[in-house]
Protein backbone atom coordinates (compact mmCIF):
# COMPACT_ATOMS: atom_id res chain seq x y z
CA MET A 1 5.16 -23.85 27.34
CA SER A 2 6.63 -25.97 24.58
CA ALA A 3 9.60 -24.81 23.08
CA ASN A 4 7.89 -25.29 19.40
CA SER A 5 4.80 -23.41 20.35
CA THR A 6 5.99 -20.17 18.78
CA ALA A 7 7.10 -19.34 15.07
CA PRO A 8 10.87 -18.93 14.83
CA GLY A 9 11.97 -15.18 14.93
CA ARG A 10 15.10 -12.96 14.35
CA ILE A 11 16.88 -12.72 17.84
CA LEU A 12 19.98 -10.59 18.87
CA VAL A 13 21.72 -11.75 21.68
CA VAL A 14 24.34 -9.28 23.17
CA ASP A 15 27.09 -10.17 25.71
CA ASP A 16 30.66 -9.46 25.97
CA GLN A 17 31.67 -12.77 27.07
CA SER A 18 32.21 -15.10 23.51
CA ALA A 19 31.38 -18.48 25.89
CA ASN A 20 28.02 -16.89 26.99
CA LEU A 21 27.18 -16.09 23.21
CA ARG A 22 27.89 -19.36 21.70
CA VAL A 23 25.67 -21.15 24.42
CA VAL A 24 22.67 -19.17 24.21
CA SER A 25 22.79 -18.70 19.91
CA ALA A 26 23.47 -22.58 19.70
CA LEU A 27 20.56 -23.10 22.17
CA LEU A 28 18.39 -21.03 20.40
CA ALA A 29 19.28 -21.88 16.78
CA ARG A 30 18.34 -25.41 17.34
CA HIS A 31 14.98 -24.36 18.10
CA GLY A 32 14.50 -22.74 14.67
CA HIS A 33 15.41 -19.16 15.64
CA ASP A 34 17.51 -16.57 13.38
CA VAL A 35 19.99 -15.42 15.79
CA VAL A 36 22.77 -13.15 15.52
CA THR A 37 25.41 -11.95 18.46
CA ALA A 38 27.09 -8.94 19.22
CA THR A 39 29.81 -8.61 22.06
CA SER A 40 29.44 -4.69 22.64
CA GLY A 41 26.39 -2.39 22.97
CA GLU A 42 27.75 0.02 20.35
CA GLU A 43 27.98 -2.97 17.91
CA ALA A 44 24.23 -4.15 19.02
CA LEU A 45 23.18 -0.89 18.47
CA ALA A 46 24.38 -0.64 15.06
CA MET A 47 22.97 -4.07 14.31
CA ALA A 48 19.44 -3.51 15.63
CA SER A 49 18.85 -0.68 13.48
CA GLU A 50 19.83 -2.64 10.46
CA MET A 51 18.24 -5.76 11.15
CA LEU A 52 15.47 -5.27 13.22
CA PRO A 53 15.11 -7.91 15.52
CA ASP A 54 12.04 -9.58 16.94
CA LEU A 55 13.68 -9.93 20.17
CA MET A 56 16.96 -8.57 21.97
CA LEU A 57 18.77 -11.07 24.93
CA LEU A 58 21.08 -8.33 26.41
CA ASP A 59 23.74 -8.69 29.09
CA MET A 60 23.00 -6.20 32.03
CA MET A 61 26.42 -5.46 32.82
CA MET A 62 29.09 -5.13 30.04
CA PRO A 63 32.32 -2.71 29.65
CA GLY A 64 31.73 0.54 28.08
CA MET A 65 27.97 0.98 26.72
CA ASP A 66 26.43 -1.54 29.36
CA GLY A 67 22.63 -2.89 28.82
CA PHE A 68 21.13 0.17 30.75
CA ALA A 69 22.96 2.70 28.21
CA LEU A 70 22.27 0.47 24.99
CA LEU A 71 18.45 0.28 26.26
CA ALA A 72 18.37 3.92 26.75
CA GLU A 73 19.76 4.65 23.13
CA ILE A 74 16.87 1.93 21.77
CA LYS A 75 14.42 3.83 23.44
CA GLN A 76 15.18 7.09 21.20
CA ARG A 77 14.92 5.42 17.96
CA ALA A 78 11.64 5.05 16.45
CA GLU A 79 12.29 2.11 14.68
CA LEU A 80 13.62 0.24 17.80
CA LEU A 81 11.11 1.77 20.05
CA ARG A 82 9.11 -1.18 20.65
CA LEU A 83 11.67 -3.84 20.24
CA PRO A 84 10.73 -6.40 23.38
CA VAL A 85 14.53 -6.58 25.43
CA VAL A 86 15.02 -9.44 28.16
CA PHE A 87 17.93 -8.75 30.28
CA LEU A 88 20.31 -11.55 30.74
CA THR A 89 21.93 -11.05 34.60
CA ALA A 90 24.07 -12.52 37.37
CA ALA A 91 22.90 -9.83 39.24
CA GLN A 92 19.77 -10.60 41.60
CA ASP A 93 19.84 -7.20 43.56
CA ARG A 94 16.01 -6.20 43.60
CA GLU A 95 16.89 -2.65 42.80
CA LEU A 96 18.63 -3.33 39.99
CA LEU A 97 16.06 -5.70 38.62
CA LEU A 98 13.18 -2.92 39.41
CA ARG A 99 15.84 -0.39 37.83
CA ALA A 100 15.85 -2.69 34.46
CA PHE A 101 12.15 -2.81 34.35
CA ASP A 102 12.15 0.97 34.53
CA ALA A 103 14.58 1.41 31.76
CA GLY A 104 11.78 -0.83 29.44
CA ALA A 105 12.82 -4.40 29.52
CA VAL A 106 10.12 -6.68 29.11
CA ASP A 107 11.71 -9.55 31.43
CA TYR A 108 14.87 -10.89 32.86
CA VAL A 109 16.96 -14.25 33.32
CA THR A 110 19.26 -14.73 35.92
CA LYS A 111 22.93 -16.42 35.48
CA PRO A 112 23.62 -19.38 35.25
CA PHE A 113 20.16 -20.18 33.45
CA MET A 114 18.17 -23.31 33.07
CA PRO A 115 17.51 -23.87 29.05
CA GLU A 116 14.01 -24.63 29.59
CA GLU A 117 13.34 -21.03 31.18
CA LEU A 118 15.34 -19.43 28.80
CA LEU A 119 13.46 -20.75 26.18
CA ALA A 120 10.23 -20.36 27.66
CA ARG A 121 10.51 -16.66 28.28
CA VAL A 122 11.76 -16.11 24.79
CA ASN A 123 8.97 -17.79 23.07
CA ALA A 124 6.33 -15.85 25.81
CA HIS A 125 7.67 -12.59 24.42
CA LEU A 126 8.59 -13.42 20.80
CA GLY A 127 5.03 -14.89 20.77
CA LEU A 128 3.32 -11.46 22.01
CA LYS A 129 5.46 -9.60 19.39
CA LEU A 130 4.83 -11.61 16.50
CA THR A 131 1.32 -11.47 17.34
CA ARG A 132 1.28 -7.87 17.81
CA ASP A 133 3.18 -7.30 14.33
CA ARG A 134 0.33 -10.05 12.78
CA LEU A 135 -2.40 -7.55 14.32
CA GLU A 136 -0.93 -4.19 13.02
CA ARG A 137 -0.56 -5.65 9.74
CA VAL A 138 -4.15 -7.00 9.64
CA ALA A 139 -5.26 -3.05 10.61
CA ARG A 140 -3.28 -1.78 8.19
CA GLU A 141 -4.77 -3.89 5.43
CA ARG A 142 -8.13 -2.97 6.70
CA GLN A 143 -7.37 0.49 6.66
CA GLU A 144 -5.90 0.18 3.24
CA LEU A 145 -8.98 -1.38 2.05
CA VAL A 146 -11.25 1.36 3.43
CA ASN A 147 -9.32 3.77 1.98
CA LEU A 148 -9.33 2.04 -1.56
CA VAL A 149 -13.16 1.87 -1.37
CA ALA A 150 -13.81 5.31 -0.07
CA HIS A 151 -11.75 6.82 -2.79
CA ASP A 152 -13.05 4.56 -5.58
CA LEU A 153 -16.50 5.24 -4.53
CA LYS A 154 -16.07 9.19 -5.04
CA ASN A 155 -16.03 8.65 -8.91
CA PRO A 156 -19.30 7.04 -9.49
CA LEU A 157 -21.09 8.63 -7.09
CA THR A 158 -19.48 12.19 -8.49
CA SER A 159 -21.35 11.19 -11.43
CA VAL A 160 -24.37 10.42 -10.18
CA LEU A 161 -24.34 13.90 -8.41
CA PHE A 162 -23.57 15.69 -11.87
CA ALA A 163 -26.38 13.83 -13.94
CA SER A 164 -28.97 14.06 -11.16
CA GLU A 165 -28.17 17.78 -10.76
CA VAL A 166 -28.17 18.39 -14.55
CA LEU A 167 -31.91 16.69 -14.43
CA ARG A 168 -32.99 19.18 -11.65
CA ASN A 169 -31.97 22.33 -13.83
CA ASP A 170 -35.03 23.69 -15.89
CA GLY A 171 -34.28 23.78 -19.88
CA ILE A 172 -32.86 20.31 -20.54
CA LYS A 173 -33.65 19.01 -23.80
CA PRO A 174 -36.21 15.85 -23.50
CA GLU A 175 -34.06 13.92 -25.55
CA ARG A 176 -30.97 14.25 -23.46
CA VAL A 177 -33.08 13.18 -20.57
CA PRO A 178 -32.23 9.38 -21.10
CA ARG A 179 -28.53 9.81 -21.51
CA TYR A 180 -28.45 11.28 -18.12
CA LEU A 181 -30.97 8.68 -16.53
CA GLN A 182 -28.40 6.12 -18.05
CA VAL A 183 -25.61 7.58 -16.45
CA ILE A 184 -27.06 7.79 -12.72
CA HIS A 185 -28.19 4.13 -13.04
CA GLU A 186 -24.61 2.61 -14.55
CA SER A 187 -22.69 5.01 -11.92
CA ALA A 188 -24.85 3.39 -8.88
CA GLN A 189 -24.22 -0.24 -10.49
CA ASP A 190 -20.64 0.95 -10.68
CA ALA A 191 -20.65 1.79 -6.91
CA LEU A 192 -22.25 -1.45 -6.14
CA GLY A 193 -19.74 -3.41 -8.36
CA TYR A 194 -16.76 -2.27 -6.77
CA ILE A 195 -17.93 -2.84 -3.26
CA LYS A 196 -18.45 -6.36 -4.47
CA SER A 197 -15.24 -6.54 -6.23
CA TYR A 198 -13.32 -5.56 -3.22
CA LEU A 199 -15.24 -8.63 -1.38
CA GLU A 200 -14.15 -10.69 -3.98
CA GLY A 201 -10.62 -9.53 -3.79
CA GLN A 202 -10.50 -10.49 -0.34
CA ALA A 203 -11.79 -14.16 -1.01
CA ALA A 204 -9.33 -14.30 -3.89
CA LYS A 205 -5.86 -13.04 -1.39
CA SER A 206 -7.59 -16.35 0.62
CA ARG A 207 -7.56 -18.76 -2.31
CA GLU A 208 -4.18 -17.40 -3.14
CA ALA A 209 -2.66 -18.03 0.11
CA LEU A 210 -4.08 -21.80 0.04
CA GLY A 211 -2.53 -22.10 -3.38
CA ASP A 212 -5.75 -21.94 -5.50
CA ASP A 213 -4.26 -19.63 -8.50
CA GLU A 214 -6.96 -18.54 -11.11
CA PRO A 215 -6.10 -17.02 -14.61
CA ARG A 216 -6.19 -13.57 -14.56
CA PRO A 217 -8.97 -11.84 -16.30
CA SER A 218 -8.40 -9.91 -19.68
CA THR A 219 -10.22 -6.89 -21.26
CA ALA A 220 -10.83 -5.29 -24.52
CA LEU A 221 -9.34 -1.85 -24.51
CA ARG A 222 -12.01 -0.59 -27.07
CA ASP A 223 -14.62 -1.42 -24.25
CA VAL A 224 -13.02 0.69 -21.89
CA VAL A 225 -12.78 3.66 -24.13
CA THR A 226 -16.41 3.27 -25.03
CA TRP A 227 -17.45 3.29 -21.36
CA ILE A 228 -15.26 6.36 -20.66
CA LEU A 229 -16.62 8.17 -23.57
CA GLY A 230 -20.23 7.27 -22.26
CA ARG A 231 -19.64 8.25 -18.73
CA TYR A 232 -17.94 11.58 -19.25
CA GLU A 233 -18.33 13.14 -22.68
CA LEU A 234 -21.54 14.55 -21.03
CA GLN A 235 -19.89 16.17 -17.78
CA LEU A 236 -17.02 17.74 -20.48
CA GLU A 237 -19.55 19.14 -22.79
CA GLU A 238 -21.31 20.82 -19.67
CA ARG A 239 -17.86 22.52 -19.39
CA ASN A 240 -17.64 23.42 -23.02
CA ARG A 241 -15.01 20.95 -23.14
CA GLN A 242 -14.37 17.50 -25.39
CA LEU A 243 -13.53 14.04 -24.83
CA ARG A 244 -11.28 13.25 -27.79
CA VAL A 245 -10.89 9.55 -28.79
CA THR A 246 -8.01 7.75 -30.78
CA GLY A 247 -7.94 4.20 -31.04
CA ALA A 248 -11.77 3.44 -30.46
CA ASP A 249 -11.54 0.14 -32.31
CA CYS A 250 -8.24 -0.78 -30.97
CA PRO A 251 -7.93 -4.52 -31.23
CA GLY A 252 -5.53 -4.80 -27.76
CA VAL A 253 -6.73 -6.84 -25.19
CA VAL A 254 -4.90 -6.36 -21.74
CA ALA A 255 -4.57 -8.94 -18.98
CA MET A 256 -6.56 -6.88 -16.39
CA ASP A 257 -10.09 -7.28 -15.08
CA GLY A 258 -12.32 -4.60 -16.83
CA GLN A 259 -13.83 -2.82 -13.92
CA VAL A 260 -10.48 -2.49 -12.58
CA LEU A 261 -8.93 -0.89 -15.61
CA ARG A 262 -12.26 1.62 -15.63
CA GLN A 263 -11.18 2.59 -12.30
CA VAL A 264 -7.84 3.24 -12.86
CA SER A 265 -8.82 5.10 -16.27
CA GLU A 266 -11.85 7.15 -14.52
CA ASN A 267 -9.01 8.36 -11.71
CA LEU A 268 -6.71 9.74 -14.52
CA ILE A 269 -10.13 11.22 -16.50
CA THR A 270 -11.22 13.13 -13.41
CA ASN A 271 -7.85 14.17 -12.35
CA ALA A 272 -7.89 15.99 -15.62
CA LEU A 273 -11.32 17.31 -15.41
CA LYS A 274 -10.27 19.02 -11.59
CA TYR A 275 -6.32 19.87 -12.56
CA ALA A 276 -6.79 21.10 -16.49
CA PRO A 277 -9.64 23.59 -16.26
CA GLY A 278 -10.81 24.55 -19.64
CA SER A 279 -8.57 21.93 -21.53
CA ASP A 280 -9.61 19.31 -23.66
CA VAL A 281 -8.83 15.75 -22.74
CA ASP A 282 -7.34 13.20 -25.11
CA LEU A 283 -7.82 9.29 -24.76
CA THR A 284 -5.73 7.05 -26.73
CA ALA A 285 -5.69 3.45 -26.85
CA ARG A 286 -2.42 2.13 -29.09
CA GLY A 287 -0.20 -0.64 -29.18
CA SER A 288 3.31 -0.41 -27.14
CA SER A 289 6.33 -3.09 -27.34
CA PRO A 290 5.41 -6.51 -28.21
CA GLY A 291 3.13 -8.19 -26.04
CA TYR A 292 1.91 -4.67 -24.48
CA TRP A 293 -0.80 -2.05 -24.88
CA GLN A 294 -1.15 1.19 -24.02
CA LEU A 295 -4.05 3.73 -22.47
CA VAL A 296 -3.12 7.43 -22.53
CA VAL A 297 -5.02 10.12 -20.99
CA GLU A 298 -3.58 13.94 -21.84
CA ASP A 299 -4.64 17.28 -21.26
CA ASN A 300 -3.50 20.98 -22.09
CA GLY A 301 -3.56 22.17 -18.47
CA PRO A 302 -0.42 23.43 -16.48
CA GLY A 303 0.95 19.89 -16.09
CA ILE A 304 2.95 18.90 -12.97
CA PRO A 305 5.45 20.79 -11.90
CA ALA A 306 9.22 19.27 -12.04
CA ASN A 307 9.55 19.50 -8.35
CA ARG A 308 6.41 17.37 -7.65
CA GLN A 309 6.87 14.82 -10.28
CA ARG A 310 9.19 12.72 -7.93
CA GLU A 311 6.12 12.44 -5.37
CA LEU A 312 3.40 11.88 -7.68
CA PHE A 313 2.75 8.41 -7.02
CA LYS A 314 3.32 8.59 -3.35
CA PRO A 315 -0.16 8.17 -1.11
CA PHE A 316 -1.82 11.46 0.03
CA VAL A 317 0.16 13.41 -2.41
CA ARG A 318 -1.98 15.82 -4.71
CA LEU A 319 -1.24 16.93 -7.89
CA THR A 320 -0.92 20.73 -6.66
CA GLU A 321 -0.94 22.39 -3.68
CA HIS A 322 -4.19 23.85 -4.06
CA ASP A 323 -6.91 21.22 -4.07
CA PRO A 324 -9.39 22.54 -7.02
CA THR A 325 -12.27 20.25 -5.92
CA GLU A 326 -15.21 22.30 -4.42
CA SER A 327 -15.65 20.04 -1.54
CA GLY A 328 -12.14 19.73 -0.84
CA THR A 329 -12.26 16.30 -0.26
CA SER A 330 -9.39 14.79 -2.63
CA SER A 331 -7.47 12.37 -0.68
CA GLY A 332 -4.23 12.41 -2.73
CA LEU A 333 -5.00 8.52 -2.91
CA GLY A 334 -5.83 8.37 -6.69
CA LEU A 335 -2.64 7.83 -8.18
CA SER A 336 -0.92 5.81 -5.43
CA LEU A 337 -3.75 3.39 -5.56
CA ALA A 338 -3.83 3.19 -9.43
CA LYS A 339 -0.10 2.82 -9.98
CA GLN A 340 -0.39 -0.31 -7.28
CA ILE A 341 -2.86 -1.89 -9.41
CA VAL A 342 -1.17 -1.71 -12.41
CA VAL A 343 2.45 -2.71 -11.21
CA ASN A 344 0.22 -5.68 -9.20
CA ALA A 345 -1.06 -6.63 -13.07
CA GLY A 346 2.52 -6.56 -14.53
CA GLY A 347 2.37 -3.13 -16.34
CA GLN A 348 3.39 0.36 -15.29
CA LEU A 349 1.50 3.69 -14.90
CA TRP A 350 3.71 6.81 -15.39
CA TYR A 351 3.65 10.55 -16.22
CA GLU A 352 5.18 12.44 -19.04
CA ASP A 353 5.21 16.62 -19.75
CA ARG A 354 3.15 16.89 -23.18
CA GLU A 355 4.79 18.94 -26.04
CA GLY A 356 3.71 22.34 -25.69
CA GLY A 357 2.39 22.09 -22.31
CA GLY A 358 0.01 19.84 -20.33
CA ALA A 359 -0.01 16.32 -18.56
CA ARG A 360 0.16 12.74 -20.01
CA PHE A 361 -0.43 9.58 -17.99
CA ILE A 362 0.39 6.34 -19.62
CA VAL A 363 -0.74 3.21 -18.50
CA GLU A 364 0.87 0.07 -19.93
CA LEU A 365 0.02 -3.38 -19.52
CA PRO A 366 0.70 -7.14 -20.70
CA GLU A 367 -1.50 -8.51 -23.40
CA GLY A 368 -4.11 -10.34 -22.14
CA GLN A 369 -6.16 -13.80 -23.84
CA ASP A 370 -8.23 -13.30 -26.78
CA GLY A 371 -11.88 -13.39 -26.04
CA ALA A 372 -12.09 -10.97 -23.22
CA GLY A 373 -15.16 -8.71 -22.96
């Protein structure tokens, strides 16, 4: 194996002999690795917990906490549980080496060692660890994408279900049928559009990785407000509630794709529908500090308890202990994803208690280029 065949990693070398530390660390550093050293088991344990190395080279026999005792402590710590440990040992006793593997070591190198052998074993186990990390990261990103798609498809599909159920009921005024059909049609288009945007988003990440930067899309706040009014006015009316809009002619243009901003706004509106039963909903588009615009969603419901507000934007945290949705399928992902999207666009999303009671969510975004659609 070539010494340069593995990407550099963070390696913690533990040995009570300073001469051994100098030789090993110099060899590894020459091949591009980030090397940190420790002269005792206690010191190594503290350093490992802080730096989270990719690999540990550990002297088997040390005074005080020896290699076996240190390895036993490592296996008790969740953050270090999968840290690969290679023993450095002058011992060639078969029983001792078997004990090392039983303790959790992945390999061993006997002293005195050949530099080529040490580098080959380091590269082998470092490569396995870095590959595992990369695969786990890809798996996490895939799962996050699945969560994102599943969550954001819920809103348009719920609108389809709402409008279709209304149409199935007898007694609806004929002149209102086209509006409900339009809701069904546009919601289905949105669902397909979300899937398309996620696929394009993955392609955009690939382009960014190659250094192909594209200008950030912009959208007019008035277009988003008009869309929300058309989508949710009927649903509020069916519940004898109102969607009150301020700033329908707001001139603000923000640096975010229109479909993405509709997703964020939709999450806030549907939360108000679920968690503030009986309350009207206020939607406001307005200017903020120079270079920023705001979209504000407010209700007169119970608001968010003070002891829950700090957790409000964490994943899988619901607004209340009780899920008021009939299906009970609220994932607790909406606000977390919305905040992540807004922050990635250079903005902020936060919560305030509304004067007189109720909830207020404020989306603040940087100004975009003129001419947005």
